[in-house]
């Protein structure tokens, strides 16, 4: 089993930046793909970005393209989400997820972190 712990969330003003981190432990010898999802109040959990183990395959939801960047350090068993030019509509709980194959759906990921709150004020 893999355990995931997110960090880096907080309260920022519109236009500001945050960098989220997700540290993995457990069966980290497996070549896991990683994804970031977010869930706003009253909304379904949706993909923000995903990255394959090698980093060769990356996906973003349209609303964050050009503002967010997903990356990973396999040596450190950590994935990152750099969020720039934040908007109030980015406010949500952000979740890290992992699975053996990269995907874009919640149902495609077996392992999940506890979530970290991101709040963007106007």
PDB file of N, CA and C in Angstrom:
ATOM      1  N   UNK A   1       0.836  -1.179   0.000  1.00  0.00           N
ATOM      2  CA  UNK A   1       0.000   0.000   0.000  1.00  0.00           C
ATOM      3  C   UNK A   1       0.880   1.241   0.000  1.00  0.00           C
ATOM      4  N   UNK A   2       0.327   2.344  -0.519  1.00  0.00           N
ATOM      5  CA  UNK A   2       1.024   3.620  -0.576  1.00  0.00           C
ATOM      6  C   UNK A   2       0.271   4.625   0.280  1.00  0.00           C
ATOM      7  N   UNK A   3       1.017   5.383   1.066  1.00  0.00           N
ATOM      8  CA  UNK A   3       0.442   6.466   1.850  1.00  0.00           C
ATOM      9  C   UNK A   3       0.863   7.796   1.236  1.00  0.00           C
ATOM     10  N   UNK A   4      -0.083   8.723   1.141  1.00  0.00           N
ATOM     11  CA  UNK A   4       0.154  10.024   0.531  1.00  0.00           C
ATOM     12  C   UNK A   4      -0.202  11.126   1.517  1.00  0.00           C
ATOM     13  N   UNK A   5       0.668  12.123   1.635  1.00  0.00           N
ATOM     14  CA  UNK A   5       0.442  13.249   2.534  1.00  0.00           C
ATOM     15  C   UNK A   5       0.684  14.545   1.782  1.00  0.00           C
ATOM     16  N   UNK A   6      -0.366  15.371   1.670  1.00  0.00           N
ATOM     17  CA  UNK A   6      -0.259  16.665   1.003  1.00  0.00           C
ATOM     18  C   UNK A   6       0.149  17.747   1.992  1.00  0.00           C
ATOM     19  N   UNK A   7       0.795  18.783   1.470  1.00  0.00           N
ATOM     20  CA  UNK A   7       1.139  19.949   2.267  1.00  0.00           C
ATOM     21  C   UNK A   7       1.266  21.158   1.347  1.00  0.00           C
ATOM     22  N   UNK A   8       1.276  22.342   1.926  1.00  0.00           N
ATOM     23  CA  UNK A   8       1.494  23.562   1.165  1.00  0.00           C
ATOM     24  C   UNK A   8       0.264  24.411   0.932  1.00  0.00           C
ATOM     25  N   UNK A   9      -0.898  23.936   1.341  1.00  0.00           N
ATOM     26  CA  UNK A   9      -2.104  24.725   1.174  1.00  0.00           C
ATOM     27  C   UNK A   9      -2.133  25.910   2.118  1.00  0.00           C
ATOM     28  N   UNK A  10      -3.092  26.803   1.885  1.00  0.00           N
ATOM     29  CA  UNK A  10      -3.216  27.974   2.728  1.00  0.00           C
ATOM     30  C   UNK A  10      -4.127  29.011   2.120  1.00  0.00           C
ATOM     31  N   UNK A  11      -4.082  30.210   2.694  1.00  0.00           N
ATOM     32  CA  UNK A  11      -4.889  31.343   2.249  1.00  0.00           C
ATOM     33  C   UNK A  11      -4.004  32.335   1.514  1.00  0.00           C
ATOM     34  N   UNK A  12      -4.380  32.666   0.282  1.00  0.00           N
ATOM     35  CA  UNK A  12      -3.629  33.629  -0.519  1.00  0.00           C
ATOM     36  C   UNK A  12      -4.588  34.596  -1.196  1.00  0.00           C
ATOM     37  N   UNK A  13      -4.059  35.744  -1.595  1.00  0.00           N
ATOM     38  CA  UNK A  13      -4.838  36.714  -2.345  1.00  0.00           C
ATOM     39  C   UNK A  13      -4.858  36.350  -3.823  1.00  0.00           C
ATOM     40  N   UNK A  14      -5.903  36.784  -4.513  1.00  0.00           N
ATOM     41  CA  UNK A  14      -5.980  36.574  -5.955  1.00  0.00           C
ATOM     42  C   UNK A  14      -4.724  37.112  -6.634  1.00  0.00           C
ATOM     43  N   UNK A  15      -4.194  36.331  -7.564  1.00  0.00           N
ATOM     44  CA  UNK A  15      -2.963  36.685  -8.240  1.00  0.00           C
ATOM     45  C   UNK A  15      -1.720  36.121  -7.589  1.00  0.00           C
ATOM     46  N   UNK A  16      -1.860  35.565  -6.403  1.00  0.00           N
ATOM     47  CA  UNK A  16      -0.735  35.005  -5.685  1.00  0.00           C
ATOM     48  C   UNK A  16      -0.414  33.589  -6.126  1.00  0.00           C
ATOM     49  N   UNK A  17       0.544  32.980  -5.425  1.00  0.00           N
ATOM     50  CA  UNK A  17       1.029  31.650  -5.777  1.00  0.00           C
ATOM     51  C   UNK A  17       1.120  30.747  -4.561  1.00  0.00           C
ATOM     52  N   UNK A  18       0.978  29.454  -4.796  1.00  0.00           N
ATOM     53  CA  UNK A  18       1.198  28.427  -3.799  1.00  0.00           C
ATOM     54  C   UNK A  18       1.864  27.235  -4.468  1.00  0.00           C
ATOM     55  N   UNK A  19       2.645  26.486  -3.703  1.00  0.00           N
ATOM     56  CA  UNK A  19       3.244  25.252  -4.191  1.00  0.00           C
ATOM     57  C   UNK A  19       2.820  24.113  -3.287  1.00  0.00           C
ATOM     58  N   UNK A  20       2.042  23.185  -3.824  1.00  0.00           N
ATOM     59  CA  UNK A  20       1.605  22.020  -3.083  1.00  0.00           C
ATOM     60  C   UNK A  20       2.595  20.880  -3.263  1.00  0.00           C
ATOM     61  N   UNK A  21       2.779  20.102  -2.210  1.00  0.00           N
ATOM     62  CA  UNK A  21       3.637  18.931  -2.254  1.00  0.00           C
ATOM     63  C   UNK A  21       2.864  17.711  -1.788  1.00  0.00           C
ATOM     64  N   UNK A  22       3.224  16.559  -2.315  1.00  0.00           N
ATOM     65  CA  UNK A  22       2.627  15.292  -1.912  1.00  0.00           C
ATOM     66  C   UNK A  22       3.745  14.280  -1.736  1.00  0.00           C
ATOM     67  N   UNK A  23       3.961  13.853  -0.509  1.00  0.00           N
ATOM     68  CA  UNK A  23       5.000  12.884  -0.196  1.00  0.00           C
ATOM     69  C   UNK A  23       4.407  11.488  -0.102  1.00  0.00           C
ATOM     70  N   UNK A  24       5.022  10.538  -0.790  1.00  0.00           N
ATOM     71  CA  UNK A  24       4.556   9.159  -0.820  1.00  0.00           C
ATOM     72  C   UNK A  24       5.460   8.274   0.022  1.00  0.00           C
ATOM     73  N   UNK A  25       4.858   7.309   0.688  1.00  0.00           N
ATOM     74  CA  UNK A  25       5.602   6.317   1.443  1.00  0.00           C
ATOM     75  C   UNK A  25       4.927   4.960   1.290  1.00  0.00           C
ATOM     76  N   UNK A  26       5.633   3.897   1.665  1.00  0.00           N
ATOM     77  CA  UNK A  26       5.116   2.553   1.497  1.00  0.00           C
ATOM     78  C   UNK A  26       5.749   1.879   0.302  1.00  0.00           C
ATOM     79  N   UNK A  27       4.919   1.395  -0.630  1.00  0.00           N
ATOM     80  CA  UNK A  27       5.401   0.687  -1.814  1.00  0.00           C
ATOM     81  C   UNK A  27       5.839   1.656  -2.903  1.00  0.00           C
ATOM     82  N   UNK A  28       6.813   2.487  -2.582  1.00  0.00           N
ATOM     83  CA  UNK A  28       7.268   3.501  -3.529  1.00  0.00           C
ATOM     84  C   UNK A  28       8.188   2.935  -4.603  1.00  0.00           C
ATOM     85  N   UNK A  29       8.536   1.647  -4.514  1.00  0.00           N
ATOM     86  CA  UNK A  29       9.321   1.021  -5.573  1.00  0.00           C
ATOM     87  C   UNK A  29       8.500   0.818  -6.839  1.00  0.00           C
ATOM     88  N   UNK A  30       7.182   0.829  -6.718  1.00  0.00           N
ATOM     89  CA  UNK A  30       6.296   0.731  -7.869  1.00  0.00           C
ATOM     90  C   UNK A  30       6.307   2.038  -8.649  1.00  0.00           C
ATOM     91  N   UNK A  31       6.219   1.949  -9.971  1.00  0.00           N
ATOM     92  CA  UNK A  31       6.235   3.134 -10.830  1.00  0.00           C
ATOM     93  C   UNK A  31       4.841   3.746 -10.910  1.00  0.00           C
ATOM     94  N   UNK A  32       4.491   4.538  -9.913  1.00  0.00           N
ATOM     95  CA  UNK A  32       3.151   5.117  -9.823  1.00  0.00           C
ATOM     96  C   UNK A  32       3.004   6.384 -10.639  1.00  0.00           C
ATOM     97  N   UNK A  33       1.865   6.480 -11.319  1.00  0.00           N
ATOM     98  CA  UNK A  33       1.429   7.752 -11.861  1.00  0.00           C
ATOM     99  C   UNK A  33       0.756   8.545 -10.750  1.00  0.00           C
ATOM    100  N   UNK A  34       0.794   9.870 -10.849  1.00  0.00           N
ATOM    101  CA  UNK A  34       0.248  10.722  -9.806  1.00  0.00           C
ATOM    102  C   UNK A  34      -0.713  11.742 -10.394  1.00  0.00           C
ATOM    103  N   UNK A  35      -1.709  12.107  -9.611  1.00  0.00           N
ATOM    104  CA  UNK A  35      -2.651  13.118 -10.035  1.00  0.00           C
ATOM    105  C   UNK A  35      -3.004  14.063  -8.906  1.00  0.00           C
ATOM    106  N   UNK A  36      -3.365  15.279  -9.274  1.00  0.00           N
ATOM    107  CA  UNK A  36      -3.931  16.252  -8.346  1.00  0.00           C
ATOM    108  C   UNK A  36      -5.390  16.480  -8.719  1.00  0.00           C
ATOM    109  N   UNK A  37      -6.260  16.380  -7.741  1.00  0.00           N
ATOM    110  CA  UNK A  37      -7.685  16.637  -7.904  1.00  0.00           C
ATOM    111  C   UNK A  37      -8.105  17.714  -6.913  1.00  0.00           C
ATOM    112  N   UNK A  38      -9.236  18.355  -7.167  1.00  0.00           N
ATOM    113  CA  UNK A  38      -9.750  19.331  -6.220  1.00  0.00           C
ATOM    114  C   UNK A  38     -11.264  19.218  -6.121  1.00  0.00           C
ATOM    115  N   UNK A  39     -11.773  19.608  -4.966  1.00  0.00           N
ATOM    116  CA  UNK A  39     -13.199  19.547  -4.709  1.00  0.00           C
ATOM    117  C   UNK A  39     -13.624  20.812  -3.980  1.00  0.00           C
ATOM    118  N   UNK A  40     -14.443  21.611  -4.634  1.00  0.00           N
ATOM    119  CA  UNK A  40     -14.992  22.821  -4.049  1.00  0.00           C
ATOM    120  C   UNK A  40     -16.312  22.492  -3.363  1.00  0.00           C
ATOM    121  N   UNK A  41     -16.764  23.333  -2.428  1.00  0.00           N
ATOM    122  CA  UNK A  41     -18.031  23.072  -1.741  1.00  0.00           C
ATOM    123  C   UNK A  41     -19.184  22.887  -2.716  1.00  0.00           C
ATOM    124  N   UNK A  42     -19.931  21.808  -2.549  1.00  0.00           N
ATOM    125  CA  UNK A  42     -21.066  21.532  -3.400  1.00  0.00           C
ATOM    126  C   UNK A  42     -20.724  21.024  -4.785  1.00  0.00           C
ATOM    127  N   UNK A  43     -19.446  20.769  -5.055  1.00  0.00           N
ATOM    128  CA  UNK A  43     -19.002  20.316  -6.369  1.00  0.00           C
ATOM    129  C   UNK A  43     -18.414  18.914  -6.296  1.00  0.00           C
ATOM    130  N   UNK A  44     -18.341  18.259  -7.451  1.00  0.00           N
ATOM    131  CA  UNK A  44     -17.712  16.951  -7.547  1.00  0.00           C
ATOM    132  C   UNK A  44     -16.198  17.099  -7.579  1.00  0.00           C
ATOM    133  N   UNK A  45     -15.493  16.067  -7.117  1.00  0.00           N
ATOM    134  CA  UNK A  45     -14.044  16.055  -7.181  1.00  0.00           C
ATOM    135  C   UNK A  45     -13.609  15.892  -8.637  1.00  0.00           C
ATOM    136  N   UNK A  46     -12.725  16.787  -9.099  1.00  0.00           N
ATOM    137  CA  UNK A  46     -12.320  16.792 -10.496  1.00  0.00           C
ATOM    138  C   UNK A  46     -10.809  16.875 -10.646  1.00  0.00           C
ATOM    139  N   UNK A  47     -10.316  16.399 -11.778  1.00  0.00           N
ATOM    140  CA  UNK A  47      -8.891  16.438 -12.090  1.00  0.00           C
ATOM    141  C   UNK A  47      -8.389  17.873 -12.202  1.00  0.00           C
ATOM    142  N   UNK A  48      -7.222  18.127 -11.640  1.00  0.00           N
ATOM    143  CA  UNK A  48      -6.481  19.359 -11.876  1.00  0.00           C
ATOM    144  C   UNK A  48      -5.321  19.083 -12.830  1.00  0.00           C
ATOM    145  N   UNK A  49      -4.508  18.086 -12.500  1.00  0.00           N
ATOM    146  CA  UNK A  49      -3.364  17.718 -13.316  1.00  0.00           C
ATOM    147  C   UNK A  49      -2.957  16.297 -12.994  1.00  0.00           C
ATOM    148  N   UNK A  50      -2.316  15.632 -13.959  1.00  0.00           N
ATOM    149  CA  UNK A  50      -1.822  14.279 -13.761  1.00  0.00           C
ATOM    150  C   UNK A  50      -0.488  14.121 -14.465  1.00  0.00           C
ATOM    151  N   UNK A  51       0.350  13.227 -13.949  1.00  0.00           N
ATOM    152  CA  UNK A  51       1.673  13.010 -14.516  1.00  0.00           C
ATOM    153  C   UNK A  51       2.037  11.539 -14.405  1.00  0.00           C
ATOM    154  N   UNK A  52       2.611  10.987 -15.472  1.00  0.00           N
ATOM    155  CA  UNK A  52       3.068   9.608 -15.459  1.00  0.00           C
ATOM    156  C   UNK A  52       4.341   9.491 -14.632  1.00  0.00           C
ATOM    157  N   UNK A  53       4.762   8.250 -14.372  1.00  0.00           N
ATOM    158  CA  UNK A  53       5.960   8.031 -13.574  1.00  0.00           C
ATOM    159  C   UNK A  53       7.182   8.704 -14.194  1.00  0.00           C
ATOM    160  N   UNK A  54       7.332   8.599 -15.496  1.00  0.00           N
ATOM    161  CA  UNK A  54       8.494   9.169 -16.179  1.00  0.00           C
ATOM    162  C   UNK A  54       8.370  10.671 -16.390  1.00  0.00           C
ATOM    163  N   UNK A  55       7.169  11.207 -16.273  1.00  0.00           N
ATOM    164  CA  UNK A  55       6.938  12.612 -16.559  1.00  0.00           C
ATOM    165  C   UNK A  55       6.663  12.903 -18.020  1.00  0.00           C
ATOM    166  N   UNK A  56       6.648  11.870 -18.862  1.00  0.00           N
ATOM    167  CA  UNK A  56       6.456  12.071 -20.290  1.00  0.00           C
ATOM    168  C   UNK A  56       5.004  12.342 -20.659  1.00  0.00           C
ATOM    169  N   UNK A  57       4.071  11.949 -19.803  1.00  0.00           N
ATOM    170  CA  UNK A  57       2.653  12.184 -20.049  1.00  0.00           C
ATOM    171  C   UNK A  57       2.105  13.088 -18.962  1.00  0.00           C
ATOM    172  N   UNK A  58       1.587  14.247 -19.346  1.00  0.00           N
ATOM    173  CA  UNK A  58       1.043  15.235 -18.418  1.00  0.00           C
ATOM    174  C   UNK A  58      -0.300  15.720 -18.938  1.00  0.00           C
ATOM    175  N   UNK A  59      -1.269  15.833 -18.045  1.00  0.00           N
ATOM    176  CA  UNK A  59      -2.591  16.343 -18.392  1.00  0.00           C
ATOM    177  C   UNK A  59      -2.991  17.444 -17.426  1.00  0.00           C
ATOM    178  N   UNK A  60      -3.697  18.468 -17.933  1.00  0.00           N
ATOM    179  CA  UNK A  60      -4.244  19.544 -17.122  1.00  0.00           C
ATOM    180  C   UNK A  60      -5.695  19.783 -17.498  1.00  0.00           C
ATOM    181  N   UNK A  61      -6.491  20.164 -16.528  1.00  0.00           N
ATOM    182  CA  UNK A  61      -7.818  20.639 -16.854  1.00  0.00           C
ATOM    183  C   UNK A  61      -7.687  22.021 -17.496  1.00  0.00           C
ATOM    184  N   UNK A  62      -8.602  22.350 -18.405  1.00  0.00           N
ATOM    185  CA  UNK A  62      -8.469  23.569 -19.198  1.00  0.00           C
ATOM    186  C   UNK A  62      -8.359  24.838 -18.350  1.00  0.00           C
ATOM    187  N   UNK A  63      -9.042  24.884 -17.236  1.00  0.00           N
ATOM    188  CA  UNK A  63      -9.095  26.102 -16.438  1.00  0.00           C
ATOM    189  C   UNK A  63      -7.773  26.463 -15.763  1.00  0.00           C
ATOM    190  N   UNK A  64      -6.814  25.534 -15.713  1.00  0.00           N
ATOM    191  CA  UNK A  64      -5.541  25.819 -15.044  1.00  0.00           C
ATOM    192  C   UNK A  64      -4.365  25.850 -16.005  1.00  0.00           C
ATOM    193  N   UNK A  65      -4.592  25.565 -17.272  1.00  0.00           N
ATOM    194  CA  UNK A  65      -3.509  25.566 -18.249  1.00  0.00           C
ATOM    195  C   UNK A  65      -2.863  26.945 -18.332  1.00  0.00           C
ATOM    196  N   UNK A  66      -1.543  26.959 -18.299  1.00  0.00           N
ATOM    197  CA  UNK A  66      -0.807  28.205 -18.325  1.00  0.00           C
ATOM    198  C   UNK A  66      -0.592  28.826 -16.966  1.00  0.00           C
ATOM    199  N   UNK A  67      -1.267  28.323 -15.939  1.00  0.00           N
ATOM    200  CA  UNK A  67      -1.127  28.854 -14.583  1.00  0.00           C
ATOM    201  C   UNK A  67      -0.526  27.839 -13.612  1.00  0.00           C
ATOM    202  N   UNK A  68      -0.892  26.572 -13.758  1.00  0.00           N
ATOM    203  CA  UNK A  68      -0.428  25.515 -12.860  1.00  0.00           C
ATOM    204  C   UNK A  68       0.587  24.630 -13.567  1.00  0.00           C
ATOM    205  N   UNK A  69       1.527  24.085 -12.806  1.00  0.00           N
ATOM    206  CA  UNK A  69       2.516  23.158 -13.332  1.00  0.00           C
ATOM    207  C   UNK A  69       2.666  21.974 -12.388  1.00  0.00           C
ATOM    208  N   UNK A  70       2.510  20.766 -12.922  1.00  0.00           N
ATOM    209  CA  UNK A  70       2.732  19.563 -12.137  1.00  0.00           C
ATOM    210  C   UNK A  70       4.125  19.030 -12.442  1.00  0.00           C
ATOM    211  N   UNK A  71       4.806  18.549 -11.423  1.00  0.00           N
ATOM    212  CA  UNK A  71       6.127  17.970 -11.585  1.00  0.00           C
ATOM    213  C   UNK A  71       6.331  16.915 -10.507  1.00  0.00           C
ATOM    214  N   UNK A  72       7.422  16.168 -10.627  1.00  0.00           N
ATOM    215  CA  UNK A  72       7.678  15.136  -9.632  1.00  0.00           C
ATOM    216  C   UNK A  72       9.164  14.901  -9.467  1.00  0.00           C
ATOM    217  N   UNK A  73       9.529  14.409  -8.294  1.00  0.00           N
ATOM    218  CA  UNK A  73      10.868  13.951  -7.999  1.00  0.00           C
ATOM    219  C   UNK A  73      10.750  12.514  -7.530  1.00  0.00           C
ATOM    220  N   UNK A  74      11.037  11.574  -8.423  1.00  0.00           N
ATOM    221  CA  UNK A  74      10.927  10.169  -8.057  1.00  0.00           C
ATOM    222  C   UNK A  74      11.949   9.780  -6.990  1.00  0.00           C
ATOM    223  N   UNK A  75      13.113  10.406  -7.013  1.00  0.00           N
ATOM    224  CA  UNK A  75      14.130  10.127  -6.015  1.00  0.00           C
ATOM    225  C   UNK A  75      13.652  10.498  -4.618  1.00  0.00           C
ATOM    226  N   UNK A  76      12.824  11.535  -4.525  1.00  0.00           N
ATOM    227  CA  UNK A  76      12.287  11.985  -3.243  1.00  0.00           C
ATOM    228  C   UNK A  76      10.874  11.474  -2.985  1.00  0.00           C
ATOM    229  N   UNK A  77      10.330  10.690  -3.918  1.00  0.00           N
ATOM    230  CA  UNK A  77       8.965  10.160  -3.801  1.00  0.00           C
ATOM    231  C   UNK A  77       7.961  11.274  -3.539  1.00  0.00           C
ATOM    232  N   UNK A  78       8.087  12.356  -4.293  1.00  0.00           N
ATOM    233  CA  UNK A  78       7.269  13.538  -4.075  1.00  0.00           C
ATOM    234  C   UNK A  78       6.778  14.103  -5.405  1.00  0.00           C
ATOM    235  N   UNK A  79       5.523  14.554  -5.434  1.00  0.00           N
ATOM    236  CA  UNK A  79       4.978  15.275  -6.577  1.00  0.00           C
ATOM    237  C   UNK A  79       4.590  16.668  -6.119  1.00  0.00           C
ATOM    238  N   UNK A  80       4.602  17.618  -7.059  1.00  0.00           N
ATOM    239  CA  UNK A  80       4.369  19.016  -6.751  1.00  0.00           C
ATOM    240  C   UNK A  80       3.295  19.589  -7.671  1.00  0.00           C
ATOM    241  N   UNK A  81       2.635  20.609  -7.192  1.00  0.00           N
ATOM    242  CA  UNK A  81       1.737  21.399  -8.015  1.00  0.00           C
ATOM    243  C   UNK A  81       2.037  22.864  -7.751  1.00  0.00           C
ATOM    244  N   UNK A  82       2.704  23.513  -8.697  1.00  0.00           N
ATOM    245  CA  UNK A  82       2.975  24.937  -8.609  1.00  0.00           C
ATOM    246  C   UNK A  82       1.776  25.687  -9.161  1.00  0.00           C
ATOM    247  N   UNK A  83       1.170  26.534  -8.354  1.00  0.00           N
ATOM    248  CA  UNK A  83      -0.032  27.251  -8.729  1.00  0.00           C
ATOM    249  C   UNK A  83       0.262  28.744  -8.732  1.00  0.00           C
ATOM    250  N   UNK A  84       0.179  29.356  -9.909  1.00  0.00           N
ATOM    251  CA  UNK A  84       0.419  30.782 -10.077  1.00  0.00           C
ATOM    252  C   UNK A  84      -0.855  31.469 -10.541  1.00  0.00           C
ATOM    253  N   UNK A  85      -0.890  32.783 -10.404  1.00  0.00           N
ATOM    254  CA  UNK A  85      -2.030  33.591 -10.836  1.00  0.00           C
ATOM    255  C   UNK A  85      -3.338  33.023 -10.309  1.00  0.00           C
ATOM    256  N   UNK A  86      -3.370  32.735  -9.035  1.00  0.00           N
ATOM    257  CA  UNK A  86      -4.532  32.084  -8.438  1.00  0.00           C
ATOM    258  C   UNK A  86      -5.767  32.971  -8.489  1.00  0.00           C
ATOM    259  N   UNK A  87      -6.903  32.324  -8.686  1.00  0.00           N
ATOM    260  CA  UNK A  87      -8.194  32.985  -8.774  1.00  0.00           C
ATOM    261  C   UNK A  87      -9.113  32.469  -7.675  1.00  0.00           C
ATOM    262  N   UNK A  88     -10.113  33.263  -7.269  1.00  0.00           N
ATOM    263  CA  UNK A  88     -11.047  32.782  -6.246  1.00  0.00           C
ATOM    264  C   UNK A  88     -11.698  31.448  -6.602  1.00  0.00           C
ATOM    265  N   UNK A  89     -11.941  31.195  -7.881  1.00  0.00           N
ATOM    266  CA  UNK A  89     -12.551  29.947  -8.292  1.00  0.00           C
ATOM    267  C   UNK A  89     -11.632  28.737  -8.144  1.00  0.00           C
ATOM    268  N   UNK A  90     -10.351  28.968  -7.821  1.00  0.00           N
ATOM    269  CA  UNK A  90      -9.439  27.872  -7.517  1.00  0.00           C
ATOM    270  C   UNK A  90      -9.601  27.367  -6.084  1.00  0.00           C
ATOM    271  N   UNK A  91     -10.388  28.056  -5.284  1.00  0.00           N
ATOM    272  CA  UNK A  91     -10.606  27.664  -3.898  1.00  0.00           C
ATOM    273  C   UNK A  91     -11.224  26.271  -3.830  1.00  0.00           C
ATOM    274  N   UNK A  92     -10.575  25.369  -3.098  1.00  0.00           N
ATOM    275  CA  UNK A  92     -11.035  23.987  -2.996  1.00  0.00           C
ATOM    276  C   UNK A  92     -10.114  23.227  -2.054  1.00  0.00           C
ATOM    277  N   UNK A  93     -10.519  22.017  -1.710  1.00  0.00           N
ATOM    278  CA  UNK A  93      -9.617  21.073  -1.077  1.00  0.00           C
ATOM    279  C   UNK A  93      -8.890  20.333  -2.193  1.00  0.00           C
ATOM    280  N   UNK A  94      -7.574  20.316  -2.142  1.00  0.00           N
ATOM    281  CA  UNK A  94      -6.764  19.674  -3.158  1.00  0.00           C
ATOM    282  C   UNK A  94      -6.263  18.329  -2.656  1.00  0.00           C
ATOM    283  N   UNK A  95      -6.456  17.292  -3.470  1.00  0.00           N
ATOM    284  CA  UNK A  95      -6.094  15.931  -3.112  1.00  0.00           C
ATOM    285  C   UNK A  95      -5.028  15.384  -4.052  1.00  0.00           C
ATOM    286  N   UNK A  96      -4.089  14.667  -3.487  1.00  0.00           N
ATOM    287  CA  UNK A  96      -3.091  13.926  -4.239  1.00  0.00           C
ATOM    288  C   UNK A  96      -3.567  12.488  -4.396  1.00  0.00           C
ATOM    289  N   UNK A  97      -3.329  11.894  -5.570  1.00  0.00           N
ATOM    290  CA  UNK A  97      -3.745  10.523  -5.836  1.00  0.00           C
ATOM    291  C   UNK A  97      -2.656   9.777  -6.595  1.00  0.00           C
ATOM    292  N   UNK A  98      -2.662   8.444  -6.466  1.00  0.00           N
ATOM    293  CA  UNK A  98      -1.658   7.613  -7.123  1.00  0.00           C
ATOM    294  C   UNK A  98      -2.273   6.319  -7.627  1.00  0.00           C
ATOM    295  N   UNK A  99      -1.735   5.822  -8.733  1.00  0.00           N
ATOM    296  CA  UNK A  99      -2.112   4.523  -9.269  1.00  0.00           C
ATOM    297  C   UNK A  99      -0.993   4.036 -10.182  1.00  0.00           C
ATOM    298  N   UNK A 100      -1.099   2.790 -10.636  1.00  0.00           N
ATOM    299  CA  UNK A 100      -0.038   2.207 -11.456  1.00  0.00           C
ATOM    300  C   UNK A 100      -0.068   2.695 -12.896  1.00  0.00           C
ATOM    301  N   UNK A 101      -1.209   3.252 -13.330  1.00  0.00           N
ATOM    302  CA  UNK A 101      -1.368   3.770 -14.684  1.00  0.00           C
ATOM    303  C   UNK A 101      -1.937   5.178 -14.604  1.00  0.00           C
ATOM    304  N   UNK A 102      -1.400   6.100 -15.396  1.00  0.00           N
ATOM    305  CA  UNK A 102      -1.869   7.474 -15.380  1.00  0.00           C
ATOM    306  C   UNK A 102      -3.300   7.534 -15.895  1.00  0.00           C
ATOM    307  N   UNK A 103      -4.125   8.357 -15.244  1.00  0.00           N
ATOM    308  CA  UNK A 103      -5.512   8.520 -15.635  1.00  0.00           C
ATOM    309  C   UNK A 103      -6.002   9.916 -15.326  1.00  0.00           C
ATOM    310  N   UNK A 104      -7.239  10.204 -15.733  1.00  0.00           N
ATOM    311  CA  UNK A 104      -7.846  11.513 -15.526  1.00  0.00           C
ATOM    312  C   UNK A 104      -9.131  11.452 -14.725  1.00  0.00           C
ATOM    313  N   UNK A 105      -9.528  10.268 -14.281  1.00  0.00           N
ATOM    314  CA  UNK A 105     -10.776  10.083 -13.556  1.00  0.00           C
ATOM    315  C   UNK A 105     -10.510   9.707 -12.102  1.00  0.00           C
ATOM    316  N   UNK A 106     -11.398  10.127 -11.217  1.00  0.00           N
ATOM    317  CA  UNK A 106     -11.290   9.772  -9.810  1.00  0.00           C
ATOM    318  C   UNK A 106     -11.263   8.261  -9.636  1.00  0.00           C
ATOM    319  N   UNK A 107     -12.103   7.556 -10.401  1.00  0.00           N
ATOM    320  CA  UNK A 107     -12.229   6.116 -10.272  1.00  0.00           C
ATOM    321  C   UNK A 107     -10.987   5.357 -10.717  1.00  0.00           C
ATOM    322  N   UNK A 108     -10.070   6.007 -11.402  1.00  0.00           N
ATOM    323  CA  UNK A 108      -8.870   5.361 -11.906  1.00  0.00           C
ATOM    324  C   UNK A 108      -7.708   5.374 -10.925  1.00  0.00           C
ATOM    325  N   UNK A 109      -7.883   6.004  -9.768  1.00  0.00           N
ATOM    326  CA  UNK A 109      -6.812   6.115  -8.785  1.00  0.00           C
ATOM    327  C   UNK A 109      -7.151   5.340  -7.520  1.00  0.00           C
ATOM    328  N   UNK A 110      -6.215   4.516  -7.088  1.00  0.00           N
ATOM    329  CA  UNK A 110      -6.439   3.637  -5.954  1.00  0.00           C
ATOM    330  C   UNK A 110      -6.063   4.262  -4.615  1.00  0.00           C
ATOM    331  N   UNK A 111      -5.085   5.165  -4.617  1.00  0.00           N
ATOM    332  CA  UNK A 111      -4.565   5.726  -3.374  1.00  0.00           C
ATOM    333  C   UNK A 111      -4.772   7.228  -3.330  1.00  0.00           C
ATOM    334  N   UNK A 112      -5.164   7.723  -2.157  1.00  0.00           N
ATOM    335  CA  UNK A 112      -5.497   9.136  -1.984  1.00  0.00           C
ATOM    336  C   UNK A 112      -4.922   9.694  -0.698  1.00  0.00           C
ATOM    337  N   UNK A 113      -4.527  10.958  -0.744  1.00  0.00           N
ATOM    338  CA  UNK A 113      -4.118  11.668   0.445  1.00  0.00           C
ATOM    339  C   UNK A 113      -5.309  12.243   1.178  1.00  0.00           C
ATOM    340  N   UNK A 114      -5.038  12.929   2.281  1.00  0.00           N
ATOM    341  CA  UNK A 114      -6.109  13.462   3.127  1.00  0.00           C
ATOM    342  C   UNK A 114      -6.652  14.801   2.638  1.00  0.00           C
ATOM    343  N   UNK A 115      -5.944  15.453   1.742  1.00  0.00           N
ATOM    344  CA  UNK A 115      -6.363  16.736   1.203  1.00  0.00           C
ATOM    345  C   UNK A 115      -5.746  17.908   1.935  1.00  0.00           C
ATOM    346  N   UNK A 116      -5.579  19.014   1.216  1.00  0.00           N
ATOM    347  CA  UNK A 116      -5.092  20.255   1.803  1.00  0.00           C
ATOM    348  C   UNK A 116      -5.929  21.411   1.261  1.00  0.00           C
ATOM    349  N   UNK A 117      -6.333  22.311   2.143  1.00  0.00           N
ATOM    350  CA  UNK A 117      -7.230  23.403   1.768  1.00  0.00           C
ATOM    351  C   UNK A 117      -6.465  24.534   1.096  1.00  0.00           C
ATOM    352  N   UNK A 118      -6.985  24.983  -0.037  1.00  0.00           N
ATOM    353  CA  UNK A 118      -6.478  26.167  -0.723  1.00  0.00           C
ATOM    354  C   UNK A 118      -7.616  27.176  -0.804  1.00  0.00           C
ATOM    355  N   UNK A 119      -7.398  28.362  -0.260  1.00  0.00           N
ATOM    356  CA  UNK A 119      -8.403  29.418  -0.287  1.00  0.00           C
ATOM    357  C   UNK A 119      -7.801  30.657  -0.928  1.00  0.00           C
ATOM    358  N   UNK A 120      -8.473  31.181  -1.949  1.00  0.00           N
ATOM    359  CA  UNK A 120      -8.006  32.359  -2.670  1.00  0.00           C
ATOM    360  C   UNK A 120      -9.011  33.479  -2.450  1.00  0.00           C
ATOM    361  N   UNK A 121      -8.573  34.566  -1.845  1.00  0.00           N
ATOM    362  CA  UNK A 121      -9.443  35.696  -1.562  1.00  0.00           C
ATOM    363  C   UNK A 121      -9.385  36.714  -2.682  1.00  0.00           C
ATOM    364  N   UNK A 122     -10.474  37.431  -2.890  1.00  0.00           N
ATOM    365  CA  UNK A 122     -10.545  38.443  -3.929  1.00  0.00           C
ATOM    366  C   UNK A 122     -10.262  39.819  -3.369  1.00  0.00           C
TER     367      UNK A 122
END
